[in-house]
């Protein structure tokens, strides 16, 4: 056979082989289709399967999208599906609550509601467990930040693979130091690897609000996008990733994870430090002052949380 014909025949045979492998793999790993409460139209954390390969998780708990033990459990159920469905390859986290991507952890629930939660699959408390599992998904995770992402909102963003923020309306904040608390969702482990030690310390020990432009400059997010373009940009990015070969995307992500993710052990110690800090008398006084002035209700304290915590320090 002529050399060029042999090459063509070889290419055809290779294509047929790869097609057979792909078909066999698809047959061996059926998709998970079971519905959960998050797929209800009125769910406070809403799962939408835009396509089999592209899912969206929308925080829809007005007025502030505050997250507590119940919301952590709901998110864990969604992560269960993301870990087991063999067709999904990209998930977008966003919000439909004006002004808030996710305000922060619920500080008004009894402490035992959080400390009494059963460990997650990693053996850690469900909060650090959730952050580790999101980071280690074979699925590519994207956060689309419009409004405030404070405390656990910032920490969820840090656990995700790609972060995009509204240039005009997005705010990131690790405000906890001003309330006397150690952040509990892993930013001490993630931020230094992402933005460098000095900027990580600035974010964590100054506790100031970071707008979209500065977040982009620091590397806290991938890009700050004009607000009017954010939804379309993120949707196009998700659809592009969803169009590629799932195993190839998963392999790339797994190898990047090896080079960039903190050891899981660094996450639990952060949560333990958070629980210890919440119980200190000085922290309790700060939290009581913030609640008295309007924390966890719509208003100036929640809108300008970094400034509100500094006002207590100035007394």
C-alpha atoms as a PDB file:
ATOM      1  CA  UNK A   1       0.000   0.000   0.000  1.00  0.00           C
ATOM      2  CA  UNK A   2       1.226   3.531  -0.796  1.00  0.00           C
ATOM      3  CA  UNK A   3       2.664   5.328   2.274  1.00  0.00           C
ATOM      4  CA  UNK A   4       0.052   8.116   2.241  1.00  0.00           C
ATOM      5  CA  UNK A   5      -2.760   5.571   1.974  1.00  0.00           C
ATOM      6  CA  UNK A   6      -1.297   3.665   4.911  1.00  0.00           C
ATOM      7  CA  UNK A   7      -1.317   6.874   6.967  1.00  0.00           C
ATOM      8  CA  UNK A   8      -4.941   7.557   6.069  1.00  0.00           C
ATOM      9  CA  UNK A   9      -5.937   3.998   6.925  1.00  0.00           C
ATOM     10  CA  UNK A  10      -4.079   4.243  10.216  1.00  0.00           C
ATOM     11  CA  UNK A  11      -5.799   7.489  11.088  1.00  0.00           C
ATOM     12  CA  UNK A  12      -9.208   6.029  10.308  1.00  0.00           C
ATOM     13  CA  UNK A  13      -8.443   2.989  12.450  1.00  0.00           C
ATOM     14  CA  UNK A  14      -7.286   5.207  15.332  1.00  0.00           C
ATOM     15  CA  UNK A  15     -10.415   7.335  15.103  1.00  0.00           C
ATOM     16  CA  UNK A  16     -12.579   4.225  15.155  1.00  0.00           C
ATOM     17  CA  UNK A  17     -10.707   2.921  18.189  1.00  0.00           C
ATOM     18  CA  UNK A  18     -11.071   6.189  20.092  1.00  0.00           C
ATOM     19  CA  UNK A  19     -14.758   6.353  19.207  1.00  0.00           C
ATOM     20  CA  UNK A  20     -15.202   2.835  20.544  1.00  0.00           C
ATOM     21  CA  UNK A  21     -13.389   3.716  23.770  1.00  0.00           C
ATOM     22  CA  UNK A  22     -15.530   6.809  24.261  1.00  0.00           C
ATOM     23  CA  UNK A  23     -18.735   4.863  23.630  1.00  0.00           C
ATOM     24  CA  UNK A  24     -17.697   2.152  26.062  1.00  0.00           C
ATOM     25  CA  UNK A  25     -16.791   4.694  28.715  1.00  0.00           C
ATOM     26  CA  UNK A  26     -20.126   6.460  28.328  1.00  0.00           C
ATOM     27  CA  UNK A  27     -21.982   3.165  28.605  1.00  0.00           C
ATOM     28  CA  UNK A  28     -19.997   2.203  31.703  1.00  0.00           C
ATOM     29  CA  UNK A  29     -20.631   5.501  33.531  1.00  0.00           C
ATOM     30  CA  UNK A  30     -24.297   6.472  33.263  1.00  0.00           C
ATOM     31  CA  UNK A  31     -25.294   9.965  34.319  1.00  0.00           C
ATOM     32  CA  UNK A  32     -26.849  10.670  37.684  1.00  0.00           C
ATOM     33  CA  UNK A  33     -30.322  12.079  37.088  1.00  0.00           C
ATOM     34  CA  UNK A  34     -31.909  11.932  40.545  1.00  0.00           C
ATOM     35  CA  UNK A  35     -33.551  15.204  41.553  1.00  0.00           C
ATOM     36  CA  UNK A  36     -32.964  16.813  44.955  1.00  0.00           C
ATOM     37  CA  UNK A  37     -34.660  19.600  46.869  1.00  0.00           C
ATOM     38  CA  UNK A  38     -32.298  22.177  45.361  1.00  0.00           C
ATOM     39  CA  UNK A  39     -33.992  21.661  41.992  1.00  0.00           C
ATOM     40  CA  UNK A  40     -37.313  23.004  43.276  1.00  0.00           C
ATOM     41  CA  UNK A  41     -38.277  26.400  41.848  1.00  0.00           C
ATOM     42  CA  UNK A  42     -38.462  27.940  45.330  1.00  0.00           C
ATOM     43  CA  UNK A  43     -35.248  26.429  46.729  1.00  0.00           C
ATOM     44  CA  UNK A  44     -33.032  28.839  48.659  1.00  0.00           C
ATOM     45  CA  UNK A  45     -29.998  27.232  47.031  1.00  0.00           C
ATOM     46  CA  UNK A  46     -31.160  26.343  43.532  1.00  0.00           C
ATOM     47  CA  UNK A  47     -29.622  23.777  41.195  1.00  0.00           C
ATOM     48  CA  UNK A  48     -30.305  24.192  37.476  1.00  0.00           C
ATOM     49  CA  UNK A  49     -29.007  21.683  34.934  1.00  0.00           C
ATOM     50  CA  UNK A  50     -28.576  24.101  32.029  1.00  0.00           C
ATOM     51  CA  UNK A  51     -27.314  21.185  29.933  1.00  0.00           C
ATOM     52  CA  UNK A  52     -26.113  17.734  31.013  1.00  0.00           C
ATOM     53  CA  UNK A  53     -22.544  19.112  31.027  1.00  0.00           C
ATOM     54  CA  UNK A  54     -23.253  22.593  32.444  1.00  0.00           C
ATOM     55  CA  UNK A  55     -24.946  23.136  35.820  1.00  0.00           C
ATOM     56  CA  UNK A  56     -25.686  26.277  37.767  1.00  0.00           C
ATOM     57  CA  UNK A  57     -26.048  26.734  41.535  1.00  0.00           C
ATOM     58  CA  UNK A  58     -27.873  29.943  42.434  1.00  0.00           C
ATOM     59  CA  UNK A  59     -28.007  31.403  45.939  1.00  0.00           C
ATOM     60  CA  UNK A  60     -31.578  32.637  46.357  1.00  0.00           C
ATOM     61  CA  UNK A  61     -32.031  33.325  50.069  1.00  0.00           C
ATOM     62  CA  UNK A  62     -32.978  36.986  50.487  1.00  0.00           C
ATOM     63  CA  UNK A  63     -32.271  39.430  51.874  1.00  0.00           C
ATOM     64  CA  UNK A  64     -28.568  38.652  52.367  1.00  0.00           C
ATOM     65  CA  UNK A  65     -27.836  35.051  51.269  1.00  0.00           C
ATOM     66  CA  UNK A  66     -26.549  34.197  54.742  1.00  0.00           C
ATOM     67  CA  UNK A  67     -25.258  30.619  55.054  1.00  0.00           C
ATOM     68  CA  UNK A  68     -25.594  28.486  58.175  1.00  0.00           C
ATOM     69  CA  UNK A  69     -25.652  24.775  59.004  1.00  0.00           C
ATOM     70  CA  UNK A  70     -28.808  24.076  56.966  1.00  0.00           C
ATOM     71  CA  UNK A  71     -27.364  25.732  53.857  1.00  0.00           C
ATOM     72  CA  UNK A  72     -24.056  23.904  54.275  1.00  0.00           C
ATOM     73  CA  UNK A  73     -25.965  20.605  54.266  1.00  0.00           C
ATOM     74  CA  UNK A  74     -27.832  21.583  51.087  1.00  0.00           C
ATOM     75  CA  UNK A  75     -24.595  22.530  49.358  1.00  0.00           C
ATOM     76  CA  UNK A  76     -23.097  19.190  50.404  1.00  0.00           C
ATOM     77  CA  UNK A  77     -25.968  17.373  48.655  1.00  0.00           C
ATOM     78  CA  UNK A  78     -25.238  19.288  45.469  1.00  0.00           C
ATOM     79  CA  UNK A  79     -21.536  18.442  45.742  1.00  0.00           C
ATOM     80  CA  UNK A  80     -22.533  14.775  46.141  1.00  0.00           C
ATOM     81  CA  UNK A  81     -24.178  14.987  42.713  1.00  0.00           C
ATOM     82  CA  UNK A  82     -21.262  16.862  41.168  1.00  0.00           C
ATOM     83  CA  UNK A  83     -18.911  14.136  42.376  1.00  0.00           C
ATOM     84  CA  UNK A  84     -20.985  11.286  40.940  1.00  0.00           C
ATOM     85  CA  UNK A  85     -22.615  12.550  37.731  1.00  0.00           C
ATOM     86  CA  UNK A  86     -20.460  11.447  34.810  1.00  0.00           C
ATOM     87  CA  UNK A  87     -21.660  14.051  32.297  1.00  0.00           C
ATOM     88  CA  UNK A  88     -21.367  17.353  34.160  1.00  0.00           C
ATOM     89  CA  UNK A  89     -18.033  19.097  33.652  1.00  0.00           C
ATOM     90  CA  UNK A  90     -18.628  22.721  34.640  1.00  0.00           C
ATOM     91  CA  UNK A  91     -20.689  24.336  37.416  1.00  0.00           C
ATOM     92  CA  UNK A  92     -21.355  28.055  37.940  1.00  0.00           C
ATOM     93  CA  UNK A  93     -22.167  29.483  41.378  1.00  0.00           C
ATOM     94  CA  UNK A  94     -24.085  32.774  41.264  1.00  0.00           C
ATOM     95  CA  UNK A  95     -26.784  34.747  43.112  1.00  0.00           C
ATOM     96  CA  UNK A  96     -30.146  36.275  42.304  1.00  0.00           C
ATOM     97  CA  UNK A  97     -30.249  38.388  45.484  1.00  0.00           C
ATOM     98  CA  UNK A  98     -29.581  42.055  44.795  1.00  0.00           C
ATOM     99  CA  UNK A  99     -26.411  43.281  46.496  1.00  0.00           C
ATOM    100  CA  UNK A 100     -25.221  39.938  47.845  1.00  0.00           C
ATOM    101  CA  UNK A 101     -23.451  36.929  46.381  1.00  0.00           C
ATOM    102  CA  UNK A 102     -23.181  35.507  49.918  1.00  0.00           C
ATOM    103  CA  UNK A 103     -23.083  37.767  52.966  1.00  0.00           C
ATOM    104  CA  UNK A 104     -21.284  35.524  55.482  1.00  0.00           C
ATOM    105  CA  UNK A 105     -21.835  32.633  57.898  1.00  0.00           C
ATOM    106  CA  UNK A 106     -24.908  32.814  60.141  1.00  0.00           C
ATOM    107  CA  UNK A 107     -23.628  34.269  63.416  1.00  0.00           C
ATOM    108  CA  UNK A 108     -27.018  34.298  65.170  1.00  0.00           C
ATOM    109  CA  UNK A 109     -27.585  30.544  65.208  1.00  0.00           C
ATOM    110  CA  UNK A 110     -26.612  28.752  68.456  1.00  0.00           C
ATOM    111  CA  UNK A 111     -22.959  27.723  68.305  1.00  0.00           C
ATOM    112  CA  UNK A 112     -23.848  24.092  68.983  1.00  0.00           C
ATOM    113  CA  UNK A 113     -25.805  23.999  65.710  1.00  0.00           C
ATOM    114  CA  UNK A 114     -22.429  24.329  63.974  1.00  0.00           C
ATOM    115  CA  UNK A 115     -20.172  22.437  66.358  1.00  0.00           C
ATOM    116  CA  UNK A 116     -22.625  19.529  66.533  1.00  0.00           C
ATOM    117  CA  UNK A 117     -22.652  18.825  62.793  1.00  0.00           C
ATOM    118  CA  UNK A 118     -21.432  15.371  61.762  1.00  0.00           C
ATOM    119  CA  UNK A 119     -18.149  15.293  59.794  1.00  0.00           C
ATOM    120  CA  UNK A 120     -18.300  15.167  56.023  1.00  0.00           C
ATOM    121  CA  UNK A 121     -16.798  12.499  53.739  1.00  0.00           C
ATOM    122  CA  UNK A 122     -13.263  13.876  54.231  1.00  0.00           C
ATOM    123  CA  UNK A 123     -13.579  13.387  57.999  1.00  0.00           C
ATOM    124  CA  UNK A 124     -13.515  17.148  58.572  1.00  0.00           C
ATOM    125  CA  UNK A 125     -16.255  19.446  59.835  1.00  0.00           C
ATOM    126  CA  UNK A 126     -18.799  20.054  57.028  1.00  0.00           C
ATOM    127  CA  UNK A 127     -17.556  23.605  56.321  1.00  0.00           C
ATOM    128  CA  UNK A 128     -13.885  22.793  55.582  1.00  0.00           C
ATOM    129  CA  UNK A 129     -15.096  19.486  54.117  1.00  0.00           C
ATOM    130  CA  UNK A 130     -17.277  21.380  51.644  1.00  0.00           C
ATOM    131  CA  UNK A 131     -14.443  23.713  50.616  1.00  0.00           C
ATOM    132  CA  UNK A 132     -12.029  20.820  50.046  1.00  0.00           C
ATOM    133  CA  UNK A 133     -14.552  18.814  48.051  1.00  0.00           C
ATOM    134  CA  UNK A 134     -15.420  21.768  45.793  1.00  0.00           C
ATOM    135  CA  UNK A 135     -11.731  22.445  45.145  1.00  0.00           C
ATOM    136  CA  UNK A 136     -11.020  18.789  44.307  1.00  0.00           C
ATOM    137  CA  UNK A 137     -13.996  18.181  42.024  1.00  0.00           C
ATOM    138  CA  UNK A 138     -13.149  16.816  38.582  1.00  0.00           C
ATOM    139  CA  UNK A 139     -15.766  19.365  37.478  1.00  0.00           C
ATOM    140  CA  UNK A 140     -14.546  22.916  36.757  1.00  0.00           C
ATOM    141  CA  UNK A 141     -16.187  25.335  39.213  1.00  0.00           C
ATOM    142  CA  UNK A 142     -16.794  29.013  38.422  1.00  0.00           C
ATOM    143  CA  UNK A 143     -18.082  31.761  40.726  1.00  0.00           C
ATOM    144  CA  UNK A 144     -19.827  34.812  39.303  1.00  0.00           C
ATOM    145  CA  UNK A 145     -19.717  37.495  41.990  1.00  0.00           C
ATOM    146  CA  UNK A 146     -22.195  40.348  41.898  1.00  0.00           C
ATOM    147  CA  UNK A 147     -22.667  42.077  45.243  1.00  0.00           C
ATOM    148  CA  UNK A 148     -20.897  41.144  48.479  1.00  0.00           C
ATOM    149  CA  UNK A 149     -18.986  37.905  48.993  1.00  0.00           C
ATOM    150  CA  UNK A 150     -17.961  38.192  52.646  1.00  0.00           C
ATOM    151  CA  UNK A 151     -16.537  35.558  54.988  1.00  0.00           C
ATOM    152  CA  UNK A 152     -17.777  32.183  53.795  1.00  0.00           C
ATOM    153  CA  UNK A 153     -18.816  33.817  50.509  1.00  0.00           C
ATOM    154  CA  UNK A 154     -15.198  34.762  49.845  1.00  0.00           C
ATOM    155  CA  UNK A 155     -14.081  31.331  51.055  1.00  0.00           C
ATOM    156  CA  UNK A 156     -16.383  29.528  48.648  1.00  0.00           C
ATOM    157  CA  UNK A 157     -15.022  31.724  45.859  1.00  0.00           C
ATOM    158  CA  UNK A 158     -11.465  30.789  46.874  1.00  0.00           C
ATOM    159  CA  UNK A 159     -12.377  27.081  46.791  1.00  0.00           C
ATOM    160  CA  UNK A 160     -13.659  27.421  43.212  1.00  0.00           C
ATOM    161  CA  UNK A 161     -11.423  27.118  40.166  1.00  0.00           C
ATOM    162  CA  UNK A 162     -12.317  30.342  38.358  1.00  0.00           C
ATOM    163  CA  UNK A 163     -13.533  33.614  39.864  1.00  0.00           C
ATOM    164  CA  UNK A 164     -15.180  36.445  37.924  1.00  0.00           C
ATOM    165  CA  UNK A 165     -16.512  39.593  39.568  1.00  0.00           C
ATOM    166  CA  UNK A 166     -18.652  42.554  38.590  1.00  0.00           C
ATOM    167  CA  UNK A 167     -16.282  45.492  38.235  1.00  0.00           C
ATOM    168  CA  UNK A 168     -18.866  47.952  39.524  1.00  0.00           C
ATOM    169  CA  UNK A 169     -20.968  45.845  41.929  1.00  0.00           C
ATOM    170  CA  UNK A 170     -18.686  43.097  43.255  1.00  0.00           C
ATOM    171  CA  UNK A 171     -17.091  43.188  46.726  1.00  0.00           C
ATOM    172  CA  UNK A 172     -14.879  40.572  48.396  1.00  0.00           C
ATOM    173  CA  UNK A 173     -14.214  40.627  52.123  1.00  0.00           C
ATOM    174  CA  UNK A 174     -12.621  38.598  54.874  1.00  0.00           C
ATOM    175  CA  UNK A 175     -14.087  40.890  57.517  1.00  0.00           C
ATOM    176  CA  UNK A 176     -13.735  38.486  60.441  1.00  0.00           C
ATOM    177  CA  UNK A 177     -10.733  40.103  62.151  1.00  0.00           C
ATOM    178  CA  UNK A 178     -12.783  43.227  62.851  1.00  0.00           C
ATOM    179  CA  UNK A 179     -15.393  41.092  64.606  1.00  0.00           C
ATOM    180  CA  UNK A 180     -12.714  39.345  66.672  1.00  0.00           C
ATOM    181  CA  UNK A 181     -12.894  36.088  64.724  1.00  0.00           C
ATOM    182  CA  UNK A 182     -10.451  33.900  62.809  1.00  0.00           C
ATOM    183  CA  UNK A 183     -11.890  33.054  59.355  1.00  0.00           C
ATOM    184  CA  UNK A 184     -13.061  29.438  59.330  1.00  0.00           C
ATOM    185  CA  UNK A 185     -13.362  28.376  55.684  1.00  0.00           C
ATOM    186  CA  UNK A 186      -9.706  28.162  54.712  1.00  0.00           C
ATOM    187  CA  UNK A 187      -8.572  31.579  53.415  1.00  0.00           C
ATOM    188  CA  UNK A 188      -5.309  31.410  55.395  1.00  0.00           C
ATOM    189  CA  UNK A 189      -4.457  28.275  53.391  1.00  0.00           C
ATOM    190  CA  UNK A 190      -5.646  29.524  49.988  1.00  0.00           C
ATOM    191  CA  UNK A 191      -4.967  33.259  49.801  1.00  0.00           C
ATOM    192  CA  UNK A 192      -1.147  33.181  50.208  1.00  0.00           C
ATOM    193  CA  UNK A 193      -0.889  30.677  47.352  1.00  0.00           C
ATOM    194  CA  UNK A 194      -3.166  32.835  45.228  1.00  0.00           C
ATOM    195  CA  UNK A 195      -2.111  36.444  45.870  1.00  0.00           C
ATOM    196  CA  UNK A 196       1.158  36.124  47.810  1.00  0.00           C
ATOM    197  CA  UNK A 197       1.911  36.401  51.520  1.00  0.00           C
ATOM    198  CA  UNK A 198       1.839  40.179  51.877  1.00  0.00           C
ATOM    199  CA  UNK A 199      -1.447  40.706  50.074  1.00  0.00           C
ATOM    200  CA  UNK A 200      -2.996  37.715  51.862  1.00  0.00           C
ATOM    201  CA  UNK A 201      -2.099  39.227  55.222  1.00  0.00           C
ATOM    202  CA  UNK A 202      -3.442  42.614  54.134  1.00  0.00           C
ATOM    203  CA  UNK A 203      -6.783  41.046  53.186  1.00  0.00           C
ATOM    204  CA  UNK A 204      -6.987  38.962  56.363  1.00  0.00           C
ATOM    205  CA  UNK A 205      -5.622  41.234  59.107  1.00  0.00           C
ATOM    206  CA  UNK A 206      -6.924  44.579  57.777  1.00  0.00           C
ATOM    207  CA  UNK A 207     -10.345  43.142  56.944  1.00  0.00           C
ATOM    208  CA  UNK A 208     -11.183  45.862  54.422  1.00  0.00           C
ATOM    209  CA  UNK A 209     -13.666  45.518  51.571  1.00  0.00           C
ATOM    210  CA  UNK A 210     -11.986  44.712  48.238  1.00  0.00           C
ATOM    211  CA  UNK A 211     -13.762  46.024  45.137  1.00  0.00           C
ATOM    212  CA  UNK A 212     -13.723  44.330  41.753  1.00  0.00           C
ATOM    213  CA  UNK A 213     -10.875  46.329  40.246  1.00  0.00           C
ATOM    214  CA  UNK A 214      -8.550  45.789  43.226  1.00  0.00           C
ATOM    215  CA  UNK A 215      -9.498  42.105  43.460  1.00  0.00           C
ATOM    216  CA  UNK A 216      -8.413  41.679  39.837  1.00  0.00           C
ATOM    217  CA  UNK A 217      -5.185  43.613  40.418  1.00  0.00           C
ATOM    218  CA  UNK A 218      -4.315  41.457  43.447  1.00  0.00           C
ATOM    219  CA  UNK A 219      -5.138  38.174  41.721  1.00  0.00           C
ATOM    220  CA  UNK A 220      -8.002  37.501  44.162  1.00  0.00           C
ATOM    221  CA  UNK A 221     -10.153  36.884  41.051  1.00  0.00           C
ATOM    222  CA  UNK A 222      -9.408  35.937  37.452  1.00  0.00           C
ATOM    223  CA  UNK A 223     -11.080  39.013  35.967  1.00  0.00           C
ATOM    224  CA  UNK A 224     -13.256  41.964  36.859  1.00  0.00           C
ATOM    225  CA  UNK A 225     -15.899  42.216  34.149  1.00  0.00           C
ATOM    226  CA  UNK A 226     -18.201  45.189  33.453  1.00  0.00           C
ATOM    227  CA  UNK A 227     -21.438  44.428  35.283  1.00  0.00           C
ATOM    228  CA  UNK A 228     -23.596  44.543  32.164  1.00  0.00           C
ATOM    229  CA  UNK A 229     -21.373  41.892  30.565  1.00  0.00           C
ATOM    230  CA  UNK A 230     -20.813  39.574  33.549  1.00  0.00           C
ATOM    231  CA  UNK A 231     -23.666  37.105  33.031  1.00  0.00           C
ATOM    232  CA  UNK A 232     -23.017  36.682  29.330  1.00  0.00           C
ATOM    233  CA  UNK A 233     -19.272  36.364  29.844  1.00  0.00           C
ATOM    234  CA  UNK A 234     -19.590  33.662  32.498  1.00  0.00           C
ATOM    235  CA  UNK A 235     -22.224  31.764  30.530  1.00  0.00           C
ATOM    236  CA  UNK A 236     -20.040  31.769  27.418  1.00  0.00           C
ATOM    237  CA  UNK A 237     -17.034  30.587  29.433  1.00  0.00           C
ATOM    238  CA  UNK A 238     -19.052  27.760  30.998  1.00  0.00           C
ATOM    239  CA  UNK A 239     -20.475  26.637  27.662  1.00  0.00           C
ATOM    240  CA  UNK A 240     -17.012  26.677  26.095  1.00  0.00           C
ATOM    241  CA  UNK A 241     -15.584  24.456  28.853  1.00  0.00           C
ATOM    242  CA  UNK A 242     -18.636  22.174  28.678  1.00  0.00           C
ATOM    243  CA  UNK A 243     -18.016  21.627  24.949  1.00  0.00           C
ATOM    244  CA  UNK A 244     -14.588  20.024  25.449  1.00  0.00           C
ATOM    245  CA  UNK A 245     -13.727  16.418  26.226  1.00  0.00           C
ATOM    246  CA  UNK A 246     -14.643  15.739  29.835  1.00  0.00           C
ATOM    247  CA  UNK A 247     -11.711  13.470  30.673  1.00  0.00           C
ATOM    248  CA  UNK A 248      -9.205  15.880  29.158  1.00  0.00           C
ATOM    249  CA  UNK A 249     -10.551  18.771  31.235  1.00  0.00           C
ATOM    250  CA  UNK A 250     -10.579  16.596  34.372  1.00  0.00           C
ATOM    251  CA  UNK A 251      -6.972  15.464  33.788  1.00  0.00           C
ATOM    252  CA  UNK A 252      -5.767  19.047  33.327  1.00  0.00           C
ATOM    253  CA  UNK A 253      -7.555  20.170  36.492  1.00  0.00           C
ATOM    254  CA  UNK A 254      -6.191  17.229  38.516  1.00  0.00           C
ATOM    255  CA  UNK A 255      -2.605  18.048  37.537  1.00  0.00           C
ATOM    256  CA  UNK A 256      -3.039  21.763  38.276  1.00  0.00           C
ATOM    257  CA  UNK A 257      -4.492  20.797  41.671  1.00  0.00           C
ATOM    258  CA  UNK A 258      -1.329  18.832  42.489  1.00  0.00           C
ATOM    259  CA  UNK A 259       0.741  21.957  41.891  1.00  0.00           C
ATOM    260  CA  UNK A 260      -1.493  24.498  43.595  1.00  0.00           C
ATOM    261  CA  UNK A 261      -3.938  23.269  46.261  1.00  0.00           C
ATOM    262  CA  UNK A 262      -3.048  23.393  49.968  1.00  0.00           C
ATOM    263  CA  UNK A 263      -2.931  20.114  51.902  1.00  0.00           C
ATOM    264  CA  UNK A 264      -6.368  19.206  53.232  1.00  0.00           C
ATOM    265  CA  UNK A 265      -5.005  19.248  56.794  1.00  0.00           C
ATOM    266  CA  UNK A 266      -4.614  23.042  56.612  1.00  0.00           C
ATOM    267  CA  UNK A 267      -8.375  23.463  56.316  1.00  0.00           C
ATOM    268  CA  UNK A 268      -9.622  21.854  59.536  1.00  0.00           C
ATOM    269  CA  UNK A 269      -7.253  23.872  61.742  1.00  0.00           C
ATOM    270  CA  UNK A 270      -8.742  27.070  60.356  1.00  0.00           C
ATOM    271  CA  UNK A 271     -12.239  25.969  61.317  1.00  0.00           C
ATOM    272  CA  UNK A 272     -11.046  24.976  64.800  1.00  0.00           C
ATOM    273  CA  UNK A 273      -9.477  28.425  65.210  1.00  0.00           C
ATOM    274  CA  UNK A 274     -12.748  30.054  64.104  1.00  0.00           C
ATOM    275  CA  UNK A 275     -14.790  28.127  66.695  1.00  0.00           C
ATOM    276  CA  UNK A 276     -12.251  28.977  69.402  1.00  0.00           C
ATOM    277  CA  UNK A 277     -12.256  32.661  68.498  1.00  0.00           C
ATOM    278  CA  UNK A 278     -16.061  32.981  68.470  1.00  0.00           C
ATOM    279  CA  UNK A 279     -16.201  31.951  72.121  1.00  0.00           C
ATOM    280  CA  UNK A 280     -13.744  34.584  73.393  1.00  0.00           C
ATOM    281  CA  UNK A 281     -15.324  37.360  75.522  1.00  0.00           C
ATOM    282  CA  UNK A 282     -13.856  40.122  73.359  1.00  0.00           C
ATOM    283  CA  UNK A 283     -15.316  38.559  70.235  1.00  0.00           C
ATOM    284  CA  UNK A 284     -18.704  38.208  71.875  1.00  0.00           C
ATOM    285  CA  UNK A 285     -18.670  41.913  72.759  1.00  0.00           C
ATOM    286  CA  UNK A 286     -17.788  42.863  69.181  1.00  0.00           C
ATOM    287  CA  UNK A 287     -20.473  40.613  67.728  1.00  0.00           C
ATOM    288  CA  UNK A 288     -23.093  41.941  70.123  1.00  0.00           C
ATOM    289  CA  UNK A 289     -22.206  45.483  69.097  1.00  0.00           C
ATOM    290  CA  UNK A 290     -22.442  44.625  65.399  1.00  0.00           C
ATOM    291  CA  UNK A 291     -25.791  42.874  65.845  1.00  0.00           C
ATOM    292  CA  UNK A 292     -27.097  45.843  67.853  1.00  0.00           C
ATOM    293  CA  UNK A 293     -26.132  48.145  64.978  1.00  0.00           C
ATOM    294  CA  UNK A 294     -27.813  45.958  62.361  1.00  0.00           C
ATOM    295  CA  UNK A 295     -25.618  42.999  61.403  1.00  0.00           C
ATOM    296  CA  UNK A 296     -27.541  40.233  59.576  1.00  0.00           C
ATOM    297  CA  UNK A 297     -30.267  42.650  58.527  1.00  0.00           C
ATOM    298  CA  UNK A 298     -30.285  44.788  55.361  1.00  0.00           C
ATOM    299  CA  UNK A 299     -28.661  48.134  55.945  1.00  0.00           C
ATOM    300  CA  UNK A 300     -25.457  50.075  56.301  1.00  0.00           C
ATOM    301  CA  UNK A 301     -23.590  47.581  58.504  1.00  0.00           C
ATOM    302  CA  UNK A 302     -23.979  44.723  56.031  1.00  0.00           C
ATOM    303  CA  UNK A 303     -23.428  46.965  53.003  1.00  0.00           C
ATOM    304  CA  UNK A 304     -20.176  48.354  54.450  1.00  0.00           C
ATOM    305  CA  UNK A 305     -19.060  45.542  56.758  1.00  0.00           C
ATOM    306  CA  UNK A 306     -15.374  46.409  56.597  1.00  0.00           C
ATOM    307  CA  UNK A 307     -16.088  49.967  57.725  1.00  0.00           C
ATOM    308  CA  UNK A 308     -18.558  48.825  60.394  1.00  0.00           C
ATOM    309  CA  UNK A 309     -16.029  46.569  62.095  1.00  0.00           C
ATOM    310  CA  UNK A 310     -13.418  49.348  62.077  1.00  0.00           C
ATOM    311  CA  UNK A 311     -15.873  51.710  63.751  1.00  0.00           C
ATOM    312  CA  UNK A 312     -15.979  49.395  66.756  1.00  0.00           C
ATOM    313  CA  UNK A 313     -12.165  49.369  66.910  1.00  0.00           C
ATOM    314  CA  UNK A 314     -12.135  53.172  66.974  1.00  0.00           C
ATOM    315  CA  UNK A 315     -14.185  53.366  70.194  1.00  0.00           C
END
